[in-house]
Amino acid sequence: MATDPLSLVFQALADPTRRAILTRLTNGDATVAELAAPFDMSQPAISRHLKVLESAGLISRTRRATARLSHLEAEPLREVTTWLARYQRFWDESHERLDELLAALQAKDDRSTGEDNG
């Protein structure tokens, strides 16, 4: 099992239930029961998902009276975004090269078509 922070975040994000939980937490803190409501799974199953999210640093959990609230911690997502941004630059550069090639091919085609019509 991975222990570096980025790998832990990616492992946590790999599950659609955990991604949905994070999306719900963008609206504010929630109890296990509130987080479990939209899913067809038990509260203990949701609690296991919360433990994975907490281990990855994506949520923190606190007690308020008898309720245990989960809170979104977005900083690890910034680290993921920074890591992914390198690949965005790669794809942007690749698309620019393809655009240049396409423009050159179209210009060549336009010149050859223009010569045939002349």
PDB file of N, CA and C in Angstrom:
ATOM      1  N   MET A   1       0.846  -1.179   0.000  1.00  0.00           N
ATOM      2  CA  MET A   1       0.000   0.000   0.000  1.00  0.00           C
ATOM      3  C   MET A   1       0.891   1.242   0.000  1.00  0.00           C
ATOM      4  N   ALA A   2       0.543   2.206  -0.830  1.00  0.00           N
ATOM      5  CA  ALA A   2       1.328   3.426  -0.969  1.00  0.00           C
ATOM      6  C   ALA A   2       1.246   4.275   0.294  1.00  0.00           C
ATOM      7  N   THR A   3       2.335   4.985   0.557  1.00  0.00           N
ATOM      8  CA  THR A   3       2.341   5.848   1.730  1.00  0.00           C
ATOM      9  C   THR A   3       2.688   7.288   1.389  1.00  0.00           C
ATOM     10  N   ASP A   4       3.147   7.564   0.164  1.00  0.00           N
ATOM     11  CA  ASP A   4       3.432   8.950  -0.163  1.00  0.00           C
ATOM     12  C   ASP A   4       2.099   9.694  -0.346  1.00  0.00           C
ATOM     13  N   PRO A   5       2.060  10.966   0.020  1.00  0.00           N
ATOM     14  CA  PRO A   5       0.793  11.704   0.036  1.00  0.00           C
ATOM     15  C   PRO A   5       0.057  11.719  -1.301  1.00  0.00           C
ATOM     16  N   LEU A   6       0.764  11.916  -2.399  1.00  0.00           N
ATOM     17  CA  LEU A   6       0.102  11.976  -3.694  1.00  0.00           C
ATOM     18  C   LEU A   6      -0.548  10.647  -4.051  1.00  0.00           C
ATOM     19  N   SER A   7       0.132   9.550  -3.781  1.00  0.00           N
ATOM     20  CA  SER A   7      -0.441   8.228  -4.060  1.00  0.00           C
ATOM     21  C   SER A   7      -1.668   7.965  -3.200  1.00  0.00           C
ATOM     22  N   LEU A   8      -1.612   8.384  -1.942  1.00  0.00           N
ATOM     23  CA  LEU A   8      -2.775   8.205  -1.061  1.00  0.00           C
ATOM     24  C   LEU A   8      -3.987   8.975  -1.581  1.00  0.00           C
ATOM     25  N   VAL A   9      -3.748  10.182  -2.077  1.00  0.00           N
ATOM     26  CA  VAL A   9      -4.852  10.979  -2.621  1.00  0.00           C
ATOM     27  C   VAL A   9      -5.422  10.306  -3.864  1.00  0.00           C
ATOM     28  N   PHE A  10      -4.553   9.859  -4.779  1.00  0.00           N
ATOM     29  CA  PHE A  10      -5.046   9.188  -5.983  1.00  0.00           C
ATOM     30  C   PHE A  10      -5.807   7.911  -5.634  1.00  0.00           C
ATOM     31  N   GLN A  11      -5.330   7.151  -4.662  1.00  0.00           N
ATOM     32  CA  GLN A  11      -6.060   5.948  -4.243  1.00  0.00           C
ATOM     33  C   GLN A  11      -7.427   6.318  -3.698  1.00  0.00           C
ATOM     34  N   ALA A  12      -7.492   7.377  -2.913  1.00  0.00           N
ATOM     35  CA  ALA A  12      -8.780   7.802  -2.360  1.00  0.00           C
ATOM     36  C   ALA A  12      -9.717   8.262  -3.468  1.00  0.00           C
ATOM     37  N   LEU A  13      -9.188   8.972  -4.444  1.00  0.00           N
ATOM     38  CA  LEU A  13     -10.018   9.497  -5.537  1.00  0.00           C
ATOM     39  C   LEU A  13     -10.424   8.427  -6.543  1.00  0.00           C
ATOM     40  N   ALA A  14      -9.813   7.269  -6.474  1.00  0.00           N
ATOM     41  CA  ALA A  14     -10.108   6.204  -7.436  1.00  0.00           C
ATOM     42  C   ALA A  14     -11.519   5.650  -7.274  1.00  0.00           C
ATOM     43  N   ASP A  15     -12.121   5.860  -6.126  1.00  0.00           N
ATOM     44  CA  ASP A  15     -13.444   5.289  -5.863  1.00  0.00           C
ATOM     45  C   ASP A  15     -14.536   6.340  -6.089  1.00  0.00           C
ATOM     46  N   PRO A  16     -15.566   6.025  -6.891  1.00  0.00           N
ATOM     47  CA  PRO A  16     -16.620   7.008  -7.169  1.00  0.00           C
ATOM     48  C   PRO A  16     -17.418   7.422  -5.932  1.00  0.00           C
ATOM     49  N   THR A  17     -17.576   6.527  -4.972  1.00  0.00           N
ATOM     50  CA  THR A  17     -18.291   6.886  -3.743  1.00  0.00           C
ATOM     51  C   THR A  17     -17.513   7.950  -2.982  1.00  0.00           C
ATOM     52  N   ARG A  18     -16.213   7.779  -2.899  1.00  0.00           N
ATOM     53  CA  ARG A  18     -15.403   8.765  -2.184  1.00  0.00           C
ATOM     54  C   ARG A  18     -15.390  10.101  -2.913  1.00  0.00           C
ATOM     55  N   ARG A  19     -15.361  10.061  -4.249  1.00  0.00           N
ATOM     56  CA  ARG A  19     -15.438  11.327  -4.998  1.00  0.00           C
ATOM     57  C   ARG A  19     -16.780  12.013  -4.747  1.00  0.00           C
ATOM     58  N   ALA A  20     -17.844  11.238  -4.686  1.00  0.00           N
ATOM     59  CA  ALA A  20     -19.167  11.815  -4.413  1.00  0.00           C
ATOM     60  C   ALA A  20     -19.226  12.404  -3.006  1.00  0.00           C
ATOM     61  N   ILE A  21     -18.596  11.750  -2.058  1.00  0.00           N
ATOM     62  CA  ILE A  21     -18.550  12.272  -0.689  1.00  0.00           C
ATOM     63  C   ILE A  21     -17.823  13.613  -0.674  1.00  0.00           C
ATOM     64  N   LEU A  22     -16.704  13.699  -1.357  1.00  0.00           N
ATOM     65  CA  LEU A  22     -15.969  14.965  -1.418  1.00  0.00           C
ATOM     66  C   LEU A  22     -16.818  16.060  -2.060  1.00  0.00           C
ATOM     67  N   THR A  23     -17.530  15.705  -3.115  1.00  0.00           N
ATOM     68  CA  THR A  23     -18.415  16.678  -3.762  1.00  0.00           C
ATOM     69  C   THR A  23     -19.467  17.174  -2.778  1.00  0.00           C
ATOM     70  N   ARG A  24     -20.055  16.254  -2.019  1.00  0.00           N
ATOM     71  CA  ARG A  24     -21.058  16.652  -1.021  1.00  0.00           C
ATOM     72  C   ARG A  24     -20.447  17.583   0.020  1.00  0.00           C
ATOM     73  N   LEU A  25     -19.224  17.321   0.429  1.00  0.00           N
ATOM     74  CA  LEU A  25     -18.584  18.130   1.460  1.00  0.00           C
ATOM     75  C   LEU A  25     -18.211  19.536   0.988  1.00  0.00           C
ATOM     76  N   THR A  26     -18.262  19.782  -0.322  1.00  0.00           N
ATOM     77  CA  THR A  26     -18.051  21.157  -0.799  1.00  0.00           C
ATOM     78  C   THR A  26     -19.188  22.061  -0.345  1.00  0.00           C
ATOM     79  N   ASN A  27     -20.318  21.478   0.032  1.00  0.00           N
ATOM     80  CA  ASN A  27     -21.467  22.253   0.529  1.00  0.00           C
ATOM     81  C   ASN A  27     -21.397  22.497   2.024  1.00  0.00           C
ATOM     82  N   GLY A  28     -20.438  21.892   2.705  1.00  0.00           N
ATOM     83  CA  GLY A  28     -20.295  22.081   4.143  1.00  0.00           C
ATOM     84  C   GLY A  28     -20.128  20.759   4.861  1.00  0.00           C
ATOM     85  N   ASP A  29     -19.820  20.850   6.140  1.00  0.00           N
ATOM     86  CA  ASP A  29     -19.595  19.672   6.975  1.00  0.00           C
ATOM     87  C   ASP A  29     -20.851  18.803   7.027  1.00  0.00           C
ATOM     88  N   ALA A  30     -20.637  17.504   7.235  1.00  0.00           N
ATOM     89  CA  ALA A  30     -21.768  16.572   7.260  1.00  0.00           C
ATOM     90  C   ALA A  30     -21.472  15.407   8.189  1.00  0.00           C
ATOM     91  N   THR A  31     -22.536  14.827   8.712  1.00  0.00           N
ATOM     92  CA  THR A  31     -22.424  13.633   9.552  1.00  0.00           C
ATOM     93  C   THR A  31     -22.347  12.403   8.657  1.00  0.00           C
ATOM     94  N   VAL A  32     -22.003  11.282   9.260  1.00  0.00           N
ATOM     95  CA  VAL A  32     -21.958  10.019   8.518  1.00  0.00           C
ATOM     96  C   VAL A  32     -23.345   9.715   7.938  1.00  0.00           C
ATOM     97  N   ALA A  33     -24.384   9.929   8.739  1.00  0.00           N
ATOM     98  CA  ALA A  33     -25.746   9.654   8.265  1.00  0.00           C
ATOM     99  C   ALA A  33     -26.088  10.522   7.060  1.00  0.00           C
ATOM    100  N   GLU A  34     -25.713  11.790   7.102  1.00  0.00           N
ATOM    101  CA  GLU A  34     -25.983  12.685   5.969  1.00  0.00           C
ATOM    102  C   GLU A  34     -25.205  12.254   4.732  1.00  0.00           C
ATOM    103  N   LEU A  35     -23.982  11.817   4.938  1.00  0.00           N
ATOM    104  CA  LEU A  35     -23.165  11.376   3.804  1.00  0.00           C
ATOM    105  C   LEU A  35     -23.651  10.046   3.246  1.00  0.00           C
ATOM    106  N   ALA A  36     -24.206   9.194   4.106  1.00  0.00           N
ATOM    107  CA  ALA A  36     -24.676   7.872   3.675  1.00  0.00           C
ATOM    108  C   ALA A  36     -26.009   7.944   2.947  1.00  0.00           C
ATOM    109  N   ALA A  37     -26.788   8.991   3.185  1.00  0.00           N
ATOM    110  CA  ALA A  37     -28.160   9.070   2.668  1.00  0.00           C
ATOM    111  C   ALA A  37     -28.303   8.770   1.173  1.00  0.00           C
ATOM    112  N   PRO A  38     -27.491   9.353   0.297  1.00  0.00           N
ATOM    113  CA  PRO A  38     -27.718   9.101  -1.138  1.00  0.00           C
ATOM    114  C   PRO A  38     -27.221   7.744  -1.643  1.00  0.00           C
ATOM    115  N   PHE A  39     -26.556   6.986  -0.786  1.00  0.00           N
ATOM    116  CA  PHE A  39     -25.957   5.728  -1.224  1.00  0.00           C
ATOM    117  C   PHE A  39     -26.732   4.533  -0.705  1.00  0.00           C
ATOM    118  N   ASP A  40     -26.659   3.457  -1.448  1.00  0.00           N
ATOM    119  CA  ASP A  40     -27.276   2.195  -1.027  1.00  0.00           C
ATOM    120  C   ASP A  40     -26.214   1.375  -0.300  1.00  0.00           C
ATOM    121  N   MET A  41     -25.757   1.922   0.837  1.00  0.00           N
ATOM    122  CA  MET A  41     -24.770   1.214   1.648  1.00  0.00           C
ATOM    123  C   MET A  41     -24.927   1.640   3.095  1.00  0.00           C
ATOM    124  N   SER A  42     -24.390   0.851   3.952  1.00  0.00           N
ATOM    125  CA  SER A  42     -24.541   1.083   5.389  1.00  0.00           C
ATOM    126  C   SER A  42     -23.656   2.238   5.859  1.00  0.00           C
ATOM    127  N   GLN A  43     -23.991   2.746   7.039  1.00  0.00           N
ATOM    128  CA  GLN A  43     -23.144   3.777   7.630  1.00  0.00           C
ATOM    129  C   GLN A  43     -21.744   3.255   7.932  1.00  0.00           C
ATOM    130  N   PRO A  44     -21.588   2.006   8.385  1.00  0.00           N
ATOM    131  CA  PRO A  44     -20.219   1.501   8.579  1.00  0.00           C
ATOM    132  C   PRO A  44     -19.408   1.476   7.271  1.00  0.00           C
ATOM    133  N   ALA A  45     -20.080   1.175   6.160  1.00  0.00           N
ATOM    134  CA  ALA A  45     -19.377   1.183   4.870  1.00  0.00           C
ATOM    135  C   ALA A  45     -18.948   2.610   4.518  1.00  0.00           C
ATOM    136  N   ILE A  46     -19.819   3.584   4.764  1.00  0.00           N
ATOM    137  CA  ILE A  46     -19.465   4.983   4.530  1.00  0.00           C
ATOM    138  C   ILE A  46     -18.314   5.384   5.455  1.00  0.00           C
ATOM    139  N   SER A  47     -18.362   4.919   6.690  1.00  0.00           N
ATOM    140  CA  SER A  47     -17.292   5.229   7.638  1.00  0.00           C
ATOM    141  C   SER A  47     -15.944   4.705   7.144  1.00  0.00           C
ATOM    142  N   ARG A  48     -15.945   3.545   6.496  1.00  0.00           N
ATOM    143  CA  ARG A  48     -14.689   3.017   5.943  1.00  0.00           C
ATOM    144  C   ARG A  48     -14.175   3.931   4.819  1.00  0.00           C
ATOM    145  N   HIS A  49     -15.092   4.428   3.994  1.00  0.00           N
ATOM    146  CA  HIS A  49     -14.697   5.380   2.946  1.00  0.00           C
ATOM    147  C   HIS A  49     -14.132   6.652   3.574  1.00  0.00           C
ATOM    148  N   LEU A  50     -14.773   7.105   4.644  1.00  0.00           N
ATOM    149  CA  LEU A  50     -14.302   8.316   5.316  1.00  0.00           C
ATOM    150  C   LEU A  50     -12.903   8.116   5.893  1.00  0.00           C
ATOM    151  N   LYS A  51     -12.635   6.920   6.385  1.00  0.00           N
ATOM    152  CA  LYS A  51     -11.309   6.628   6.934  1.00  0.00           C
ATOM    153  C   LYS A  51     -10.244   6.739   5.838  1.00  0.00           C
ATOM    154  N   VAL A  52     -10.547   6.240   4.645  1.00  0.00           N
ATOM    155  CA  VAL A  52      -9.609   6.341   3.521  1.00  0.00           C
ATOM    156  C   VAL A  52      -9.388   7.810   3.160  1.00  0.00           C
ATOM    157  N   LEU A  53     -10.472   8.576   3.088  1.00  0.00           N
ATOM    158  CA  LEU A  53     -10.354  10.000   2.775  1.00  0.00           C
ATOM    159  C   LEU A  53      -9.550  10.739   3.835  1.00  0.00           C
ATOM    160  N   GLU A  54      -9.775  10.379   5.087  1.00  0.00           N
ATOM    161  CA  GLU A  54      -9.036  11.008   6.183  1.00  0.00           C
ATOM    162  C   GLU A  54      -7.551  10.643   6.125  1.00  0.00           C
ATOM    163  N   SER A  55      -7.254   9.385   5.836  1.00  0.00           N
ATOM    164  CA  SER A  55      -5.853   8.949   5.723  1.00  0.00           C
ATOM    165  C   SER A  55      -5.118   9.679   4.607  1.00  0.00           C
ATOM    166  N   ALA A  56      -5.851  10.038   3.561  1.00  0.00           N
ATOM    167  CA  ALA A  56      -5.262  10.769   2.433  1.00  0.00           C
ATOM    168  C   ALA A  56      -5.183  12.270   2.709  1.00  0.00           C
ATOM    169  N   GLY A  57      -5.730  12.705   3.828  1.00  0.00           N
ATOM    170  CA  GLY A  57      -5.712  14.127   4.167  1.00  0.00           C
ATOM    171  C   GLY A  57      -6.783  14.940   3.477  1.00  0.00           C
ATOM    172  N   LEU A  58      -7.743  14.256   2.835  1.00  0.00           N
ATOM    173  CA  LEU A  58      -8.784  14.959   2.091  1.00  0.00           C
ATOM    174  C   LEU A  58      -9.944  15.427   2.968  1.00  0.00           C
ATOM    175  N   ILE A  59     -10.082  14.832   4.137  1.00  0.00           N
ATOM    176  CA  ILE A  59     -11.094  15.286   5.085  1.00  0.00           C
ATOM    177  C   ILE A  59     -10.488  15.284   6.485  1.00  0.00           C
ATOM    178  N   SER A  60     -11.102  16.047   7.351  1.00  0.00           N
ATOM    179  CA  SER A  60     -10.816  15.957   8.777  1.00  0.00           C
ATOM    180  C   SER A  60     -12.145  15.661   9.455  1.00  0.00           C
ATOM    181  N   ARG A  61     -12.058  15.078  10.640  1.00  0.00           N
ATOM    182  CA  ARG A  61     -13.289  14.703  11.351  1.00  0.00           C
ATOM    183  C   ARG A  61     -13.223  15.271  12.762  1.00  0.00           C
ATOM    184  N   THR A  62     -14.355  15.849  13.183  1.00  0.00           N
ATOM    185  CA  THR A  62     -14.452  16.433  14.518  1.00  0.00           C
ATOM    186  C   THR A  62     -15.770  16.004  15.150  1.00  0.00           C
ATOM    187  N   ARG A  63     -15.831  16.151  16.458  1.00  0.00           N
ATOM    188  CA  ARG A  63     -17.069  15.860  17.188  1.00  0.00           C
ATOM    189  C   ARG A  63     -17.749  17.164  17.540  1.00  0.00           C
ATOM    190  N   ARG A  64     -19.046  17.194  17.333  1.00  0.00           N
ATOM    191  CA  ARG A  64     -19.882  18.289  17.790  1.00  0.00           C
ATOM    192  C   ARG A  64     -21.052  17.652  18.528  1.00  0.00           C
ATOM    193  N   ALA A  65     -21.025  17.781  19.849  1.00  0.00           N
ATOM    194  CA  ALA A  65     -21.980  17.081  20.719  1.00  0.00           C
ATOM    195  C   ALA A  65     -21.823  15.586  20.463  1.00  0.00           C
ATOM    196  N   THR A  66     -22.896  14.918  20.023  1.00  0.00           N
ATOM    197  CA  THR A  66     -22.810  13.479  19.761  1.00  0.00           C
ATOM    198  C   THR A  66     -22.534  13.173  18.291  1.00  0.00           C
ATOM    199  N   ALA A  67     -22.530  14.198  17.463  1.00  0.00           N
ATOM    200  CA  ALA A  67     -22.316  13.994  16.024  1.00  0.00           C
ATOM    201  C   ALA A  67     -20.834  14.048  15.692  1.00  0.00           C
ATOM    202  N   ARG A  68     -20.446  13.242  14.753  1.00  0.00           N
ATOM    203  CA  ARG A  68     -19.069  13.269  14.232  1.00  0.00           C
ATOM    204  C   ARG A  68     -19.158  13.850  12.829  1.00  0.00           C
ATOM    205  N   LEU A  69     -18.601  15.037  12.652  1.00  0.00           N
ATOM    206  CA  LEU A  69     -18.690  15.743  11.379  1.00  0.00           C
ATOM    207  C   LEU A  69     -17.441  15.543  10.539  1.00  0.00           C
ATOM    208  N   SER A  70     -17.655  15.442   9.233  1.00  0.00           N
ATOM    209  CA  SER A  70     -16.553  15.376   8.283  1.00  0.00           C
ATOM    210  C   SER A  70     -16.439  16.727   7.596  1.00  0.00           C
ATOM    211  N   HIS A  71     -15.199  17.155   7.393  1.00  0.00           N
ATOM    212  CA  HIS A  71     -14.925  18.462   6.806  1.00  0.00           C
ATOM    213  C   HIS A  71     -13.943  18.287   5.650  1.00  0.00           C
ATOM    214  N   LEU A  72     -14.227  18.913   4.517  1.00  0.00           N
ATOM    215  CA  LEU A  72     -13.350  18.837   3.349  1.00  0.00           C
ATOM    216  C   LEU A  72     -12.045  19.577   3.623  1.00  0.00           C
ATOM    217  N   GLU A  73     -10.943  18.938   3.307  1.00  0.00           N
ATOM    218  CA  GLU A  73      -9.610  19.543   3.366  1.00  0.00           C
ATOM    219  C   GLU A  73      -9.088  19.552   1.930  1.00  0.00           C
ATOM    220  N   ALA A  74      -9.144  20.692   1.284  1.00  0.00           N
ATOM    221  CA  ALA A  74      -8.886  20.763  -0.159  1.00  0.00           C
ATOM    222  C   ALA A  74      -7.411  20.858  -0.538  1.00  0.00           C
ATOM    223  N   GLU A  75      -6.525  21.132   0.401  1.00  0.00           N
ATOM    224  CA  GLU A  75      -5.113  21.331   0.057  1.00  0.00           C
ATOM    225  C   GLU A  75      -4.502  20.150  -0.715  1.00  0.00           C
ATOM    226  N   PRO A  76      -4.764  18.896  -0.332  1.00  0.00           N
ATOM    227  CA  PRO A  76      -4.192  17.798  -1.129  1.00  0.00           C
ATOM    228  C   PRO A  76      -4.669  17.806  -2.584  1.00  0.00           C
ATOM    229  N   LEU A  77      -5.848  18.348  -2.841  1.00  0.00           N
ATOM    230  CA  LEU A  77      -6.332  18.439  -4.223  1.00  0.00           C
ATOM    231  C   LEU A  77      -5.530  19.457  -5.019  1.00  0.00           C
ATOM    232  N   ARG A  78      -5.036  20.496  -4.350  1.00  0.00           N
ATOM    233  CA  ARG A  78      -4.179  21.477  -5.020  1.00  0.00           C
ATOM    234  C   ARG A  78      -2.889  20.780  -5.464  1.00  0.00           C
ATOM    235  N   GLU A  79      -2.350  19.912  -4.619  1.00  0.00           N
ATOM    236  CA  GLU A  79      -1.126  19.181  -4.967  1.00  0.00           C
ATOM    237  C   GLU A  79      -1.355  18.279  -6.173  1.00  0.00           C
ATOM    238  N   VAL A  80      -2.519  17.640  -6.242  1.00  0.00           N
ATOM    239  CA  VAL A  80      -2.864  16.806  -7.396  1.00  0.00           C
ATOM    240  C   VAL A  80      -2.959  17.677  -8.646  1.00  0.00           C
ATOM    241  N   THR A  81      -3.611  18.824  -8.520  1.00  0.00           N
ATOM    242  CA  THR A  81      -3.763  19.736  -9.650  1.00  0.00           C
ATOM    243  C   THR A  81      -2.398  20.204 -10.154  1.00  0.00           C
ATOM    244  N   THR A  82      -1.503  20.525  -9.250  1.00  0.00           N
ATOM    245  CA  THR A  82      -0.154  20.944  -9.629  1.00  0.00           C
ATOM    246  C   THR A  82       0.560  19.828 -10.374  1.00  0.00           C
ATOM    247  N   TRP A  83       0.425  18.606  -9.871  1.00  0.00           N
ATOM    248  CA  TRP A  83       1.062  17.459 -10.515  1.00  0.00           C
ATOM    249  C   TRP A  83       0.478  17.249 -11.920  1.00  0.00           C
ATOM    250  N   LEU A  84      -0.842  17.338 -12.036  1.00  0.00           N
ATOM    251  CA  LEU A  84      -1.494  17.133 -13.330  1.00  0.00           C
ATOM    252  C   LEU A  84      -1.216  18.259 -14.310  1.00  0.00           C
ATOM    253  N   ALA A  85      -0.936  19.460 -13.814  1.00  0.00           N
ATOM    254  CA  ALA A  85      -0.696  20.609 -14.690  1.00  0.00           C
ATOM    255  C   ALA A  85       0.476  20.369 -15.633  1.00  0.00           C
ATOM    256  N   ARG A  86       1.465  19.608 -15.174  1.00  0.00           N
ATOM    257  CA  ARG A  86       2.593  19.288 -16.060  1.00  0.00           C
ATOM    258  C   ARG A  86       2.106  18.553 -17.307  1.00  0.00           C
ATOM    259  N   TYR A  87       1.158  17.678 -17.128  1.00  0.00           N
ATOM    260  CA  TYR A  87       0.637  16.918 -18.261  1.00  0.00           C
ATOM    261  C   TYR A  87      -0.276  17.765 -19.117  1.00  0.00           C
ATOM    262  N   GLN A  88      -0.936  18.733 -18.536  1.00  0.00           N
ATOM    263  CA  GLN A  88      -1.746  19.671 -19.315  1.00  0.00           C
ATOM    264  C   GLN A  88      -0.853  20.439 -20.280  1.00  0.00           C
ATOM    265  N   ARG A  89       0.305  20.891 -19.789  1.00  0.00           N
ATOM    266  CA  ARG A  89       1.250  21.599 -20.664  1.00  0.00           C
ATOM    267  C   ARG A  89       1.710  20.686 -21.801  1.00  0.00           C
ATOM    268  N   PHE A  90       1.958  19.424 -21.488  1.00  0.00           N
ATOM    269  CA  PHE A  90       2.374  18.459 -22.517  1.00  0.00           C
ATOM    270  C   PHE A  90       1.304  18.367 -23.604  1.00  0.00           C
ATOM    271  N   TRP A  91       0.036  18.212 -23.199  1.00  0.00           N
ATOM    272  CA  TRP A  91      -1.033  18.079 -24.189  1.00  0.00           C
ATOM    273  C   TRP A  91      -1.250  19.383 -24.949  1.00  0.00           C
ATOM    274  N   ASP A  92      -1.143  20.515 -24.274  1.00  0.00           N
ATOM    275  CA  ASP A  92      -1.281  21.795 -24.966  1.00  0.00           C
ATOM    276  C   ASP A  92      -0.211  21.940 -26.044  1.00  0.00           C
ATOM    277  N   GLU A  93       1.040  21.599 -25.705  1.00  0.00           N
ATOM    278  CA  GLU A  93       2.123  21.679 -26.679  1.00  0.00           C
ATOM    279  C   GLU A  93       1.904  20.702 -27.832  1.00  0.00           C
ATOM    280  N   SER A  94       1.413  19.517 -27.529  1.00  0.00           N
ATOM    281  CA  SER A  94       1.135  18.528 -28.581  1.00  0.00           C
ATOM    282  C   SER A  94       0.041  19.029 -29.511  1.00  0.00           C
ATOM    283  N   HIS A  95      -0.991  19.633 -28.945  1.00  0.00           N
ATOM    284  CA  HIS A  95      -2.079  20.169 -29.779  1.00  0.00           C
ATOM    285  C   HIS A  95      -1.598  21.337 -30.627  1.00  0.00           C
ATOM    286  N   GLU A  96      -0.716  22.165 -30.077  1.00  0.00           N
ATOM    287  CA  GLU A  96      -0.164  23.270 -30.857  1.00  0.00           C
ATOM    288  C   GLU A  96       0.626  22.746 -32.057  1.00  0.00           C
ATOM    289  N   ARG A  97       1.428  21.707 -31.841  1.00  0.00           N
ATOM    290  CA  ARG A  97       2.194  21.123 -32.946  1.00  0.00           C
ATOM    291  C   ARG A  97       1.255  20.530 -34.001  1.00  0.00           C
ATOM    292  N   LEU A  98       0.194  19.886 -33.557  1.00  0.00           N
ATOM    293  CA  LEU A  98      -0.774  19.341 -34.515  1.00  0.00           C
ATOM    294  C   LEU A  98      -1.476  20.453 -35.281  1.00  0.00           C
ATOM    295  N   ASP A  99      -1.807  21.541 -34.586  1.00  0.00           N
ATOM    296  CA  ASP A  99      -2.428  22.690 -35.262  1.00  0.00           C
ATOM    297  C   ASP A  99      -1.498  23.259 -36.327  1.00  0.00           C
ATOM    298  N   GLU A 100      -0.205  23.371 -36.000  1.00  0.00           N
ATOM    299  CA  GLU A 100       0.769  23.887 -36.963  1.00  0.00           C
ATOM    300  C   GLU A 100       0.881  22.964 -38.166  1.00  0.00           C
ATOM    301  N   LEU A 101       0.914  21.658 -37.920  1.00  0.00           N
ATOM    302  CA  LEU A 101       1.001  20.695 -39.011  1.00  0.00           C
ATOM    303  C   LEU A 101      -0.246  20.771 -39.896  1.00  0.00           C
ATOM    304  N   LEU A 102      -1.403  20.845 -39.270  1.00  0.00           N
ATOM    305  CA  LEU A 102      -2.648  20.942 -40.033  1.00  0.00           C
ATOM    306  C   LEU A 102      -2.663  22.211 -40.879  1.00  0.00           C
ATOM    307  N   ALA A 103      -2.240  23.335 -40.311  1.00  0.00           N
ATOM    308  CA  ALA A 103      -2.205  24.594 -41.059  1.00  0.00           C
ATOM    309  C   ALA A 103      -1.255  24.483 -42.242  1.00  0.00           C
ATOM    310  N   ALA A 104      -0.092  23.859 -42.039  1.00  0.00           N
ATOM    311  CA  ALA A 104       0.868  23.688 -43.129  1.00  0.00           C
ATOM    312  C   ALA A 104       0.292  22.795 -44.224  1.00  0.00           C
ATOM    313  N   LEU A 105      -0.364  21.708 -43.845  1.00  0.00           N
ATOM    314  CA  LEU A 105      -0.962  20.812 -44.836  1.00  0.00           C
ATOM    315  C   LEU A 105      -2.086  21.502 -45.602  1.00  0.00           C
ATOM    316  N   GLN A 106      -2.887  22.295 -44.888  1.00  0.00           N
ATOM    317  CA  GLN A 106      -3.971  23.018 -45.568  1.00  0.00           C
ATOM    318  C   GLN A 106      -3.421  24.072 -46.516  1.00  0.00           C
ATOM    319  N   ALA A 107      -2.351  24.758 -46.103  1.00  0.00           N
ATOM    320  CA  ALA A 107      -1.730  25.760 -46.976  1.00  0.00           C
ATOM    321  C   ALA A 107      -1.180  25.095 -48.229  1.00  0.00           C
ATOM    322  N   LYS A 108      -0.537  23.946 -48.055  1.00  0.00           N
ATOM    323  CA  LYS A 108       0.007  23.205 -49.195  1.00  0.00           C
ATOM    324  C   LYS A 108      -1.127  22.772 -50.119  1.00  0.00           C
ATOM    325  N   ASP A 109      -2.229  22.288 -49.537  1.00  0.00           N
ATOM    326  CA  ASP A 109      -3.388  21.858 -50.322  1.00  0.00           C
ATOM    327  C   ASP A 109      -4.001  23.043 -51.061  1.00  0.00           C
ATOM    328  N   ASP A 110      -4.095  24.189 -50.372  1.00  0.00           N
ATOM    329  CA  ASP A 110      -4.651  25.384 -51.001  1.00  0.00           C
ATOM    330  C   ASP A 110      -3.788  25.842 -52.180  1.00  0.00           C
ATOM    331  N   ARG A 111      -2.463  25.757 -52.023  1.00  0.00           N
ATOM    332  CA  ARG A 111      -1.553  26.153 -53.119  1.00  0.00           C
ATOM    333  C   ARG A 111      -1.708  25.204 -54.300  1.00  0.00           C
ATOM    334  N   SER A 112      -1.807  23.902 -54.024  1.00  0.00           N
ATOM    335  CA  SER A 112      -1.917  22.948 -55.130  1.00  0.00           C
ATOM    336  C   SER A 112      -3.291  23.060 -55.790  1.00  0.00           C
ATOM    337  N   THR A 113      -4.313  23.348 -55.028  1.00  0.00           N
ATOM    338  CA  THR A 113      -5.652  23.512 -55.593  1.00  0.00           C
ATOM    339  C   THR A 113      -5.716  24.789 -56.410  1.00  0.00           C
ATOM    340  N   GLY A 114      -5.096  25.843 -55.945  1.00  0.00           N
ATOM    341  CA  GLY A 114      -5.050  27.115 -56.651  1.00  0.00           C
ATOM    342  C   GLY A 114      -4.334  26.986 -57.983  1.00  0.00           C
ATOM    343  N   GLU A 115      -3.272  26.168 -58.024  1.00  0.00           N
ATOM    344  CA  GLU A 115      -2.516  25.979 -59.276  1.00  0.00           C
ATOM    345  C   GLU A 115      -3.348  25.212 -60.295  1.00  0.00           C
ATOM    346  N   ASP A 116      -4.176  24.260 -59.806  1.00  0.00           N
ATOM    347  CA  ASP A 116      -5.004  23.483 -60.738  1.00  0.00           C
ATOM    348  C   ASP A 116      -6.094  24.345 -61.336  1.00  0.00           C
ATOM    349  N   ASN A 117      -6.595  25.325 -60.611  1.00  0.00           N
ATOM    350  CA  ASN A 117      -7.679  26.181 -61.095  1.00  0.00           C
ATOM    351  C   ASN A 117      -7.160  27.337 -61.939  1.00  0.00           C
ATOM    352  N   GLY A 118      -5.837  27.554 -62.009  1.00  0.00           N
ATOM    353  CA  GLY A 118      -5.269  28.709 -62.681  1.00  0.00           C
ATOM    354  C   GLY A 118      -5.023  28.476 -64.069  1.00  0.00           C
TER     355      GLY A 118
END
